[in-house]
Amino acid sequence: MLKAVGASAAVAAFAGCLSDDDDGADDEENGDDDAGGDGIEIDPGTTIMLEGITGGWEGLEPEEIAGETNPTLLLQEGETYEIGWEQGDGSQHNVEIWDADEEMVEEYGTELTGEPEEVLEFTASDEMAYYRCDPHPNMQGEIQVE
């Protein structure tokens, strides 16, 4: 009988670990700085720097995106930003800004290279949906313009 009671208690405790967290706890307390995937607000005039890794862009600067893979960028319409990348895996990359139809917005793109030197300056507009490396589909992050 003690074995049965012990087994029941273990199952109940384990089931509690699987339940949804609906206690209203702040997501930052749980280590989720980007709660709900809402994105990271970037101040106008900021230079956004990424590390070029075929598995996904790794955020470098500003500090708010550091360590994030393909961070969602919240930008202000009509404001100017810069985006660039540093070599991470030795592959050739570029950075382009695309719309929802997967077409490059205006001429917002850099050349494919293994030695990045160029930083792309752009003005945020509501047609912008993604920043990406053209030949590497895993290297794509969302842009939300407010």
Protein backbone atom coordinates (compact mmCIF):
# COMPACT_ATOMS: atom_id res chain seq x y z
CA MET A 1 0.00 0.00 0.00
CA LEU A 2 2.87 2.40 0.76
CA LYS A 3 4.28 1.77 -2.74
CA ALA A 4 0.92 2.70 -4.29
CA VAL A 5 0.66 5.92 -2.24
CA GLY A 6 4.26 6.85 -3.10
CA ALA A 7 3.69 6.19 -6.81
CA SER A 8 0.49 8.29 -6.79
CA ALA A 9 2.29 11.18 -5.12
CA ALA A 10 5.13 11.02 -7.67
CA VAL A 11 2.68 11.04 -10.60
CA ALA A 12 0.79 14.01 -9.12
CA ALA A 13 4.02 15.96 -8.58
CA PHE A 14 5.22 15.18 -12.12
CA ALA A 15 1.85 16.20 -13.61
CA GLY A 16 2.17 19.54 -11.81
CA CYS A 17 5.45 20.14 -13.63
CA LEU A 18 3.71 19.73 -16.98
CA SER A 19 0.84 22.14 -16.35
CA ASP A 20 0.68 25.58 -17.95
CA ASP A 21 1.99 28.46 -15.87
CA ASP A 22 -1.15 30.54 -15.42
CA ASP A 23 -0.17 32.09 -12.10
CA GLY A 24 0.50 35.48 -13.72
CA ALA A 25 4.20 35.43 -12.86
CA ASP A 26 6.24 38.06 -14.66
CA ASP A 27 8.01 36.53 -17.67
CA GLU A 28 11.25 38.31 -16.74
CA GLU A 29 11.27 36.37 -13.47
CA ASN A 30 11.21 33.20 -15.57
CA GLY A 31 14.18 34.39 -17.64
CA ASP A 32 12.09 35.36 -20.69
CA ASP A 33 13.16 38.88 -21.63
CA ASP A 34 11.23 38.79 -24.92
CA ALA A 35 7.85 37.75 -23.54
CA GLY A 36 5.42 36.66 -26.22
CA GLY A 37 7.91 37.32 -29.01
CA ASP A 38 6.91 41.00 -29.08
CA GLY A 39 10.38 42.12 -30.07
CA ILE A 40 12.99 44.54 -28.84
CA GLU A 41 12.50 48.27 -29.23
CA ILE A 42 15.46 49.89 -30.99
CA ASP A 43 16.08 53.62 -30.53
CA PRO A 44 16.26 55.74 -33.71
CA GLY A 45 19.80 56.32 -34.94
CA THR A 46 21.02 53.04 -33.45
CA THR A 47 23.49 50.82 -35.27
CA ILE A 48 22.26 47.21 -35.07
CA MET A 49 25.12 44.72 -35.23
CA LEU A 50 24.69 41.00 -35.81
CA GLU A 51 27.07 38.06 -35.99
CA GLY A 52 26.82 36.11 -39.25
CA ILE A 53 26.18 32.46 -38.44
CA THR A 54 24.43 30.23 -41.00
CA GLY A 55 22.10 28.87 -38.30
CA GLY A 56 20.76 32.38 -37.57
CA TRP A 57 21.81 35.96 -36.95
CA GLU A 58 23.18 36.36 -33.45
CA GLY A 59 22.53 39.78 -31.87
CA LEU A 60 25.61 41.76 -30.81
CA GLU A 61 24.50 45.40 -30.44
CA PRO A 62 22.65 47.19 -29.01
CA GLU A 63 22.95 45.41 -25.68
CA GLU A 64 19.22 44.56 -25.65
CA ILE A 65 19.66 42.11 -28.55
CA ALA A 66 23.00 40.62 -27.43
CA GLY A 67 22.86 36.83 -27.50
CA GLU A 68 19.41 36.69 -29.16
CA THR A 69 19.07 34.60 -32.32
CA ASN A 70 17.21 36.42 -35.12
CA PRO A 71 15.85 39.06 -32.72
CA THR A 72 12.61 40.80 -33.68
CA LEU A 73 13.36 44.51 -34.10
CA LEU A 74 10.75 47.14 -33.20
CA LEU A 75 11.50 50.29 -35.20
CA GLN A 76 9.82 53.69 -35.52
CA GLU A 77 8.45 54.63 -38.93
CA GLY A 78 10.36 57.40 -40.67
CA GLU A 79 13.40 57.06 -38.41
CA THR A 80 16.91 56.17 -39.60
CA TYR A 81 18.83 53.08 -38.45
CA GLU A 82 21.93 51.17 -39.49
CA ILE A 83 22.33 47.41 -39.64
CA GLY A 84 25.53 45.48 -40.18
CA TRP A 85 27.20 42.21 -39.35
CA GLU A 86 30.47 40.72 -38.23
CA GLN A 87 31.95 37.43 -39.41
CA GLY A 88 30.91 34.51 -37.27
CA ASP A 89 31.28 31.25 -39.16
CA GLY A 90 33.53 31.98 -42.12
CA SER A 91 30.71 31.78 -44.70
CA GLN A 92 29.73 34.52 -47.10
CA HIS A 93 26.70 36.54 -45.99
CA ASN A 94 24.85 39.73 -46.77
CA VAL A 95 22.05 41.63 -45.09
CA GLU A 96 18.90 42.71 -46.92
CA ILE A 97 15.60 44.23 -45.81
CA TRP A 98 12.56 42.45 -47.25
CA ASP A 99 8.83 43.07 -47.35
CA ALA A 100 6.09 40.53 -46.57
CA ASP A 101 6.14 39.36 -50.22
CA GLU A 102 9.82 38.39 -49.78
CA GLU A 103 11.12 41.12 -52.05
CA MET A 104 13.91 43.51 -51.15
CA VAL A 105 12.63 46.92 -50.02
CA GLU A 106 14.07 49.68 -52.22
CA GLU A 107 17.80 48.98 -52.54
CA TYR A 108 18.29 48.06 -48.90
CA GLY A 109 20.88 45.32 -49.22
CA THR A 110 24.62 44.71 -49.04
CA GLU A 111 26.85 42.60 -51.24
CA LEU A 112 27.52 38.94 -50.44
CA THR A 113 30.94 38.77 -48.77
CA GLY A 114 33.02 36.83 -46.27
CA GLU A 115 34.62 40.03 -44.98
CA PRO A 116 31.89 42.48 -43.94
CA GLU A 117 32.88 46.12 -44.04
CA GLU A 118 29.62 47.79 -45.04
CA VAL A 119 26.87 48.94 -42.67
CA LEU A 120 23.48 49.45 -44.29
CA GLU A 121 21.69 52.71 -43.47
CA PHE A 122 17.90 52.71 -43.92
CA THR A 123 14.75 54.58 -43.03
CA ALA A 124 12.10 52.42 -41.37
CA SER A 125 8.84 52.09 -43.30
CA ASP A 126 5.69 50.03 -42.80
CA GLU A 127 6.49 47.85 -45.81
CA MET A 128 9.51 46.35 -44.02
CA ALA A 129 8.93 42.87 -42.61
CA TYR A 130 12.31 41.06 -42.36
CA TYR A 131 16.06 41.45 -42.34
CA ARG A 132 17.84 38.45 -43.76
CA CYS A 133 20.84 36.93 -45.47
CA ASP A 134 19.65 36.15 -48.98
CA PRO A 135 21.31 32.73 -49.47
CA HIS A 136 20.67 31.50 -45.89
CA PRO A 137 16.95 31.23 -44.98
CA ASN A 138 17.76 30.47 -41.29
CA MET A 139 19.27 33.94 -41.05
CA GLN A 140 16.03 35.90 -40.96
CA GLY A 141 14.57 38.10 -38.26
CA GLU A 142 11.34 40.04 -38.13
CA ILE A 143 11.04 43.82 -38.36
CA GLN A 144 7.99 45.52 -36.87
CA VAL A 145 7.55 49.19 -37.68
CA GLU A 146 5.39 51.27 -35.35
